Amino acid sequence: MMRSLDKDYLSKAIKDFCKGTSVSSGKFSCEAPGSVKDLEWNHMDQSHRPYIHSTYNDELRISIGENFANSLTKWGNWPFFLNVMDVRVKDGQYYQTFTIGGLIYVHTVIEMGYINESKSSLEINWHISSHWILKPIHKFLNRKIYKLNIRLQEEDYVIRDQRYKLREKGYNFRSDPPNYYSSNMLTHNTIYPPLGNTLKLKISEFVESNSLDNEKNKNLYKFGKDDTSFIIKKISEDEFCIWPSVCPHEGASLEDANFCKNSVKCPWHGLSFTGVSLSSKNNCISKYGFTYKLDEEYIKIDDDRSIKD
C-alpha cells in the first residue's frame, strides 16, 4: 500500500506526462454521519450501488483485491461502459480513475477524516485530462461530476446514518475492518448486541397496535427492545414467522423492506433472508444469533452467541 497521494501534485504530473494535455480540476466536500470506518466501508461496498443509487444501473466486477477493485459500470441508460479502477492508498484515502471513450480521463482523490465522534468529513478532488482540443468539454464534465457527487452523498446518507445509529446501540460487523474483500462479502455480517434478558411476547396480547407504521407492511408486527427488535408475521394461531428488524447482512432497517411469504428482501443489497418459522410442531429454532421458542403462551427469544449464520 502506498503511504499517501498528493492531490495537488497529480494535476502537474498529468500535464508533464504528455505535452499538449489540458487539465481541469474540481472539488466537492461534505460532512457525513458516523465514523471514517463506515465511510470507507460504504465507499468500498460496490454491491449496494444498483439498489441505492439511480446513476449505477449495473456493473460487472472484473477483479478485486484487499486494496483495489476494477469494474465495468453502466452510466445511466446510455449504451456504453466506464472502466473504473479504485485503489485504497491508505486509511481514509482513495484514488479512482476512469476513461471516457479513450479520449478523456478523470482522476479522483477521495479523502475522509474525523470531525468528532459522530461525524466525519469527505473531500473529493478530481482532475479531468484530455488533448487541448477537447478542453471545452471539461466545463460540462466538471458540472456533471459535481452534481453527481451531491446526488451520491444524498443517496448514501441513509446507509451512513443507519450504521452510525447501530454502532451507538452496540452493533458490530464481521466485515470490520473494511477492505474491498470484506466490504463485499454477501454473508451474515451483522453482530447484534446481547439481549440480556429473555424477550417475551404473550400470544394472547398479539394485537394490531404492534403493527409496523406503514401501509406496505401493515400485516407485520414489531416487538422487542429499542436496540434489538424483531418483526413477526402471524400465519395462524400456532404458527409465526420472525425476522430481526435489522438486516443480518450489513444492518439495513427491514421495517420498510419487501416481505413476501417467509422471506424479506434487503433494501441495500437486494439479498433475500428467510424468517424463522415457529409452530407447534417446530417450536425451537436457532438463527441469526438468537434462539426462538414457542410455547402455549409465549414467543421467547434468547441470545445464542454460538450461532454465526
Protein backbone atom coordinates (compact mmCIF):
# COMPACT_ATOMS: atom_id res chain seq x y z
CA MET A 1 0.00 0.00 0.00
CA MET A 2 1.26 3.50 -0.84
CA ARG A 3 1.92 5.87 2.05
CA SER A 4 -0.04 8.79 0.59
CA LEU A 5 -1.09 10.52 -2.62
CA ASP A 6 -0.65 14.26 -3.15
CA LYS A 7 -3.78 15.51 -4.92
CA ASP A 8 -2.12 18.85 -5.80
CA TYR A 9 0.89 17.15 -7.40
CA LEU A 10 -1.36 14.91 -9.52
CA SER A 11 -2.52 17.68 -11.84
CA LYS A 12 1.07 18.78 -12.62
CA ALA A 13 2.21 15.18 -13.11
CA ILE A 14 -0.51 14.58 -15.72
CA LYS A 15 0.50 17.70 -17.68
CA ASP A 16 4.18 16.73 -17.59
CA PHE A 17 3.35 13.20 -18.70
CA CYS A 18 2.08 14.29 -22.10
CA LYS A 19 2.68 17.68 -23.72
CA GLY A 20 -0.44 19.27 -25.18
CA THR A 21 -2.62 17.87 -22.40
CA SER A 22 -5.20 20.12 -20.78
CA VAL A 23 -6.20 19.50 -17.18
CA SER A 24 -9.21 20.92 -15.34
CA SER A 25 -9.80 20.36 -11.64
CA GLY A 26 -12.87 20.24 -9.43
CA LYS A 27 -13.67 19.75 -5.77
CA PHE A 28 -16.57 18.60 -3.62
CA SER A 29 -16.71 18.33 0.17
CA CYS A 30 -19.36 17.50 2.74
CA GLU A 31 -19.93 16.12 6.22
CA ALA A 32 -21.27 12.62 6.83
CA PRO A 33 -22.69 10.90 9.92
CA GLY A 34 -20.64 8.21 11.60
CA SER A 35 -17.05 7.08 11.56
CA VAL A 36 -14.39 7.02 8.86
CA LYS A 37 -14.54 3.22 9.14
CA ASP A 38 -18.16 3.22 7.96
CA LEU A 39 -17.46 5.83 5.27
CA GLU A 40 -14.71 3.55 3.94
CA TRP A 41 -16.99 0.52 4.04
CA ASN A 42 -19.69 2.49 2.21
CA HIS A 43 -17.19 3.55 -0.47
CA MET A 44 -15.75 0.06 -0.99
CA ASP A 45 -19.12 -1.72 -0.85
CA GLN A 46 -19.86 -1.90 -4.56
CA SER A 47 -22.85 -4.24 -4.16
CA HIS A 48 -25.19 -1.52 -2.88
CA ARG A 49 -24.81 0.75 -5.90
CA PRO A 50 -27.54 -0.68 -8.19
CA TYR A 51 -30.03 -0.63 -5.28
CA ILE A 52 -29.25 2.72 -3.63
CA HIS A 53 -28.01 4.91 -6.48
CA SER A 54 -30.02 5.99 -9.51
CA THR A 55 -26.82 6.51 -11.53
CA TYR A 56 -25.45 2.97 -11.41
CA ASN A 57 -27.86 0.67 -13.23
CA ASP A 58 -25.46 -2.25 -13.24
CA GLU A 59 -21.79 -3.15 -13.04
CA LEU A 60 -19.52 -6.07 -13.84
CA ARG A 61 -16.71 -6.84 -11.40
CA ILE A 62 -13.53 -7.64 -13.31
CA SER A 63 -11.03 -8.04 -10.46
CA ILE A 64 -10.77 -7.29 -6.76
CA GLY A 65 -8.13 -7.36 -4.03
CA GLU A 66 -7.98 -6.09 -0.48
CA ASN A 67 -6.88 -2.63 -1.66
CA PHE A 68 -8.20 -2.35 -5.21
CA ALA A 69 -11.22 -3.06 -7.40
CA ASN A 70 -11.71 -2.88 -11.15
CA SER A 71 -15.22 -2.79 -12.65
CA LEU A 72 -17.20 -2.04 -15.78
CA THR A 73 -20.02 0.32 -14.84
CA LYS A 74 -23.06 1.38 -16.87
CA TRP A 75 -23.64 5.12 -16.94
CA GLY A 76 -27.40 5.60 -16.68
CA ASN A 77 -29.22 4.13 -19.68
CA TRP A 78 -26.52 5.06 -22.18
CA PRO A 79 -25.21 2.15 -24.31
CA PHE A 80 -21.59 2.42 -23.16
CA PHE A 81 -19.49 1.48 -20.13
CA LEU A 82 -16.95 3.12 -17.86
CA ASN A 83 -13.93 1.09 -16.80
CA VAL A 84 -13.48 2.23 -13.19
CA MET A 85 -10.29 1.49 -11.22
CA ASP A 86 -10.49 2.13 -7.48
CA VAL A 87 -7.40 1.93 -5.22
CA ARG A 88 -7.10 2.26 -1.45
CA VAL A 89 -3.93 4.32 -0.93
CA LYS A 90 -4.04 4.39 2.88
CA ASP A 91 -6.64 4.57 5.65
CA GLY A 92 -9.12 7.27 4.64
CA GLN A 93 -7.59 7.98 1.21
CA TYR A 94 -8.58 6.52 -2.18
CA TYR A 95 -7.61 7.04 -5.79
CA GLN A 96 -10.18 6.44 -8.52
CA THR A 97 -9.84 6.75 -12.29
CA PHE A 98 -11.98 6.11 -15.34
CA THR A 99 -11.81 6.94 -19.03
CA ILE A 100 -14.50 8.18 -21.42
CA GLY A 101 -14.12 6.87 -24.95
CA GLY A 102 -10.35 6.59 -24.53
CA LEU A 103 -10.13 10.36 -25.04
CA ILE A 104 -10.91 11.90 -21.65
CA TYR A 105 -9.50 10.66 -18.32
CA VAL A 106 -10.92 11.51 -14.92
CA HIS A 107 -8.62 11.01 -11.91
CA THR A 108 -10.09 11.40 -8.43
CA VAL A 109 -8.60 11.57 -4.93
CA ILE A 110 -11.06 10.83 -2.11
CA GLU A 111 -10.11 11.73 1.47
CA MET A 112 -12.00 11.01 4.70
CA GLY A 113 -11.32 12.29 8.20
CA TYR A 114 -12.92 12.61 11.64
CA ILE A 115 -14.69 15.80 12.69
CA ASN A 116 -15.85 14.35 16.02
CA GLU A 117 -17.16 11.02 17.37
CA SER A 118 -20.42 11.26 15.45
CA LYS A 119 -19.37 12.97 12.24
CA SER A 120 -16.74 12.64 9.52
CA SER A 121 -15.55 14.78 6.63
CA LEU A 122 -15.42 13.76 2.99
CA GLU A 123 -13.37 15.66 0.38
CA ILE A 124 -13.29 14.67 -3.28
CA ASN A 125 -10.82 16.29 -5.71
CA TRP A 126 -10.85 15.36 -9.38
CA HIS A 127 -8.77 16.18 -12.46
CA ILE A 128 -10.12 15.91 -15.99
CA SER A 129 -7.37 15.46 -18.58
CA SER A 130 -7.53 15.31 -22.38
CA HIS A 131 -5.94 16.75 -25.52
CA TRP A 132 -6.31 20.55 -25.53
CA ILE A 133 -8.82 20.32 -28.42
CA LEU A 134 -11.32 18.71 -26.03
CA LYS A 135 -10.84 21.35 -23.31
CA PRO A 136 -14.32 22.92 -23.92
CA ILE A 137 -15.91 19.66 -22.77
CA HIS A 138 -14.19 19.92 -19.37
CA LYS A 139 -16.56 22.63 -18.12
CA PHE A 140 -19.58 20.45 -18.83
CA LEU A 141 -17.96 17.41 -17.18
CA ASN A 142 -16.98 19.41 -14.10
CA ARG A 143 -20.59 20.46 -13.56
CA LYS A 144 -21.76 16.90 -14.20
CA ILE A 145 -19.30 15.38 -11.72
CA TYR A 146 -20.12 17.98 -9.06
CA LYS A 147 -23.88 17.36 -9.35
CA LEU A 148 -23.24 13.61 -9.39
CA ASN A 149 -21.37 13.83 -6.08
CA ILE A 150 -24.20 15.81 -4.50
CA ARG A 151 -26.70 13.15 -5.52
CA LEU A 152 -24.47 10.24 -4.47
CA GLN A 153 -23.95 11.67 -0.98
CA GLU A 154 -27.68 12.27 -0.55
CA GLU A 155 -28.48 8.72 -1.63
CA ASP A 156 -25.80 7.25 0.65
CA TYR A 157 -26.96 9.23 3.68
CA VAL A 158 -29.48 6.56 4.76
CA ILE A 159 -26.71 3.94 4.89
CA ARG A 160 -24.25 6.11 6.80
CA ASP A 161 -26.86 7.37 9.27
CA GLN A 162 -28.18 3.85 9.94
CA ARG A 163 -24.68 2.46 10.55
CA TYR A 164 -23.91 5.30 12.95
CA LYS A 165 -27.10 4.68 14.92
CA LEU A 166 -26.41 0.94 15.07
CA ARG A 167 -22.85 1.48 16.35
CA GLU A 168 -24.31 3.70 19.08
CA LYS A 169 -26.59 0.84 20.12
CA GLY A 170 -23.75 -1.68 20.36
CA TYR A 171 -23.90 -3.33 16.92
CA ASN A 172 -20.73 -4.56 15.22
CA PHE A 173 -19.98 -6.18 11.88
CA ARG A 174 -17.88 -9.12 10.74
CA SER A 175 -16.82 -7.01 7.75
CA ASP A 176 -14.69 -4.86 10.11
CA PRO A 177 -12.06 -3.69 9.39
CA PRO A 178 -13.29 -2.81 5.90
CA ASN A 179 -11.43 -3.62 2.70
CA TYR A 180 -12.62 -4.48 -0.80
CA TYR A 181 -12.98 -8.17 0.15
CA SER A 182 -14.75 -7.78 3.50
CA SER A 183 -16.96 -4.92 2.30
CA ASN A 184 -18.39 -7.09 -0.48
CA MET A 185 -18.99 -10.34 1.42
CA LEU A 186 -22.63 -11.30 0.80
CA THR A 187 -22.86 -13.19 4.10
CA HIS A 188 -24.42 -12.59 7.52
CA ASN A 189 -22.09 -9.89 8.85
CA THR A 190 -24.28 -8.15 11.45
CA ILE A 191 -23.34 -8.84 15.08
CA TYR A 192 -26.34 -7.92 17.24
CA PRO A 193 -25.88 -6.54 20.75
CA PRO A 194 -26.65 -9.02 23.57
CA LEU A 195 -30.30 -9.18 24.60
CA GLY A 196 -29.51 -9.74 28.26
CA ASN A 197 -32.91 -10.93 29.47
CA THR A 198 -35.26 -13.16 27.50
CA LEU A 199 -37.65 -11.30 25.22
CA LYS A 200 -41.23 -12.50 25.67
CA LEU A 201 -44.34 -11.84 23.61
CA LYS A 202 -47.59 -13.12 25.07
CA ILE A 203 -49.54 -14.66 22.21
CA SER A 204 -52.91 -13.60 23.61
CA GLU A 205 -51.71 -9.97 23.56
CA PHE A 206 -50.63 -10.12 19.91
CA VAL A 207 -52.69 -7.16 18.68
CA GLU A 208 -52.66 -4.69 15.81
CA SER A 209 -51.23 -1.94 18.00
CA ASN A 210 -47.84 -3.62 17.41
CA SER A 211 -48.15 -3.26 13.62
CA LEU A 212 -45.46 -1.54 11.59
CA ASP A 213 -46.41 2.05 10.89
CA ASN A 214 -46.62 1.86 7.11
CA GLU A 215 -49.15 0.70 4.52
CA LYS A 216 -46.83 -1.71 2.72
CA ASN A 217 -46.23 -3.93 5.77
CA LYS A 218 -49.45 -3.39 7.72
CA ASN A 219 -49.83 -7.14 8.36
CA LEU A 220 -46.45 -7.31 10.15
CA TYR A 221 -45.75 -6.56 13.81
CA LYS A 222 -42.73 -5.35 15.73
CA PHE A 223 -41.66 -6.22 19.26
CA GLY A 224 -38.54 -6.18 21.39
CA LYS A 225 -36.19 -3.54 22.77
CA ASP A 226 -35.11 -0.26 21.24
CA ASP A 227 -31.62 -1.57 20.39
CA THR A 228 -32.68 -5.07 19.25
CA SER A 229 -36.19 -5.63 17.92
CA PHE A 230 -37.92 -8.22 15.76
CA ILE A 231 -40.59 -8.31 13.07
CA ILE A 232 -43.22 -11.01 13.34
CA LYS A 233 -45.88 -12.28 10.95
CA LYS A 234 -48.80 -14.25 12.33
CA ILE A 235 -49.58 -17.15 10.00
CA SER A 236 -52.15 -18.85 12.24
CA GLU A 237 -52.95 -19.23 15.92
CA ASP A 238 -49.93 -21.50 16.45
CA GLU A 239 -47.63 -20.52 13.58
CA PHE A 240 -45.42 -17.43 13.27
CA CYS A 241 -42.59 -16.14 11.07
CA ILE A 242 -39.93 -13.92 12.70
CA TRP A 243 -37.05 -11.76 11.42
CA PRO A 244 -34.62 -9.40 13.19
CA SER A 245 -35.69 -5.84 12.27
CA VAL A 246 -32.07 -5.10 11.31
CA CYS A 247 -30.76 -6.94 8.25
CA PRO A 248 -28.32 -9.78 9.09
CA HIS A 249 -26.12 -8.82 6.13
CA GLU A 250 -24.91 -5.27 6.92
CA GLY A 251 -27.50 -3.58 9.12
CA ALA A 252 -30.20 -2.13 6.86
CA SER A 253 -33.53 -1.45 8.54
CA LEU A 254 -36.07 -4.04 7.35
CA GLU A 255 -39.15 -2.19 8.57
CA ASP A 256 -39.83 -0.77 5.10
CA ALA A 257 -38.38 -3.71 3.17
CA ASN A 258 -40.30 -6.00 0.83
CA PHE A 259 -41.69 -9.07 2.62
CA CYS A 260 -43.01 -11.97 0.58
CA LYS A 261 -44.34 -15.12 2.27
CA ASN A 262 -41.46 -16.24 4.54
CA SER A 263 -38.65 -14.06 3.13
CA VAL A 264 -37.62 -10.41 3.14
CA LYS A 265 -35.52 -8.53 0.58
CA CYS A 266 -32.76 -6.25 1.87
CA PRO A 267 -33.24 -2.69 0.53
CA TRP A 268 -29.47 -2.02 0.40
CA HIS A 269 -28.17 -5.05 -1.47
CA GLY A 270 -31.20 -6.97 -2.79
CA LEU A 271 -30.44 -10.09 -0.73
CA SER A 272 -33.31 -12.28 0.47
CA PHE A 273 -33.46 -13.69 4.00
CA THR A 274 -35.90 -16.31 5.23
CA GLY A 275 -37.64 -15.78 8.53
CA VAL A 276 -37.71 -18.17 11.47
CA SER A 277 -40.85 -20.32 11.08
CA LEU A 278 -42.11 -21.23 14.55
CA SER A 279 -45.04 -23.58 15.00
CA SER A 280 -46.40 -26.08 17.49
CA LYS A 281 -44.59 -28.81 15.53
CA ASN A 282 -41.31 -26.89 15.21
CA ASN A 283 -41.14 -24.82 18.38
CA CYS A 284 -37.41 -24.17 18.91
CA ILE A 285 -35.08 -22.75 16.22
CA SER A 286 -31.67 -21.02 16.34
CA LYS A 287 -30.83 -18.49 13.63
CA TYR A 288 -29.15 -15.08 13.18
CA GLY A 289 -27.51 -15.32 16.63
CA PHE A 290 -30.75 -15.94 18.56
CA THR A 291 -32.83 -18.89 19.77
CA TYR A 292 -36.58 -18.65 19.19
CA LYS A 293 -39.07 -20.73 21.21
CA LEU A 294 -42.82 -21.11 21.08
CA ASP A 295 -44.95 -22.50 23.90
CA GLU A 296 -48.65 -22.32 24.60
CA GLU A 297 -48.50 -18.77 25.97
CA TYR A 298 -45.35 -17.03 24.74
CA ILE A 299 -42.91 -16.47 21.93
CA LYS A 300 -39.49 -16.28 23.59
CA ILE A 301 -36.20 -15.06 22.13
CA ASP A 302 -32.79 -15.57 23.75
CA ASP A 303 -29.20 -14.90 22.75
CA ASP A 304 -27.28 -17.69 21.08
CA ARG A 305 -23.77 -16.37 20.53
CA SER A 306 -22.68 -19.72 19.08
CA ILE A 307 -24.84 -19.08 16.03
CA LYS A 308 -22.88 -17.39 13.24
CA ASP A 309 -25.31 -17.70 10.33
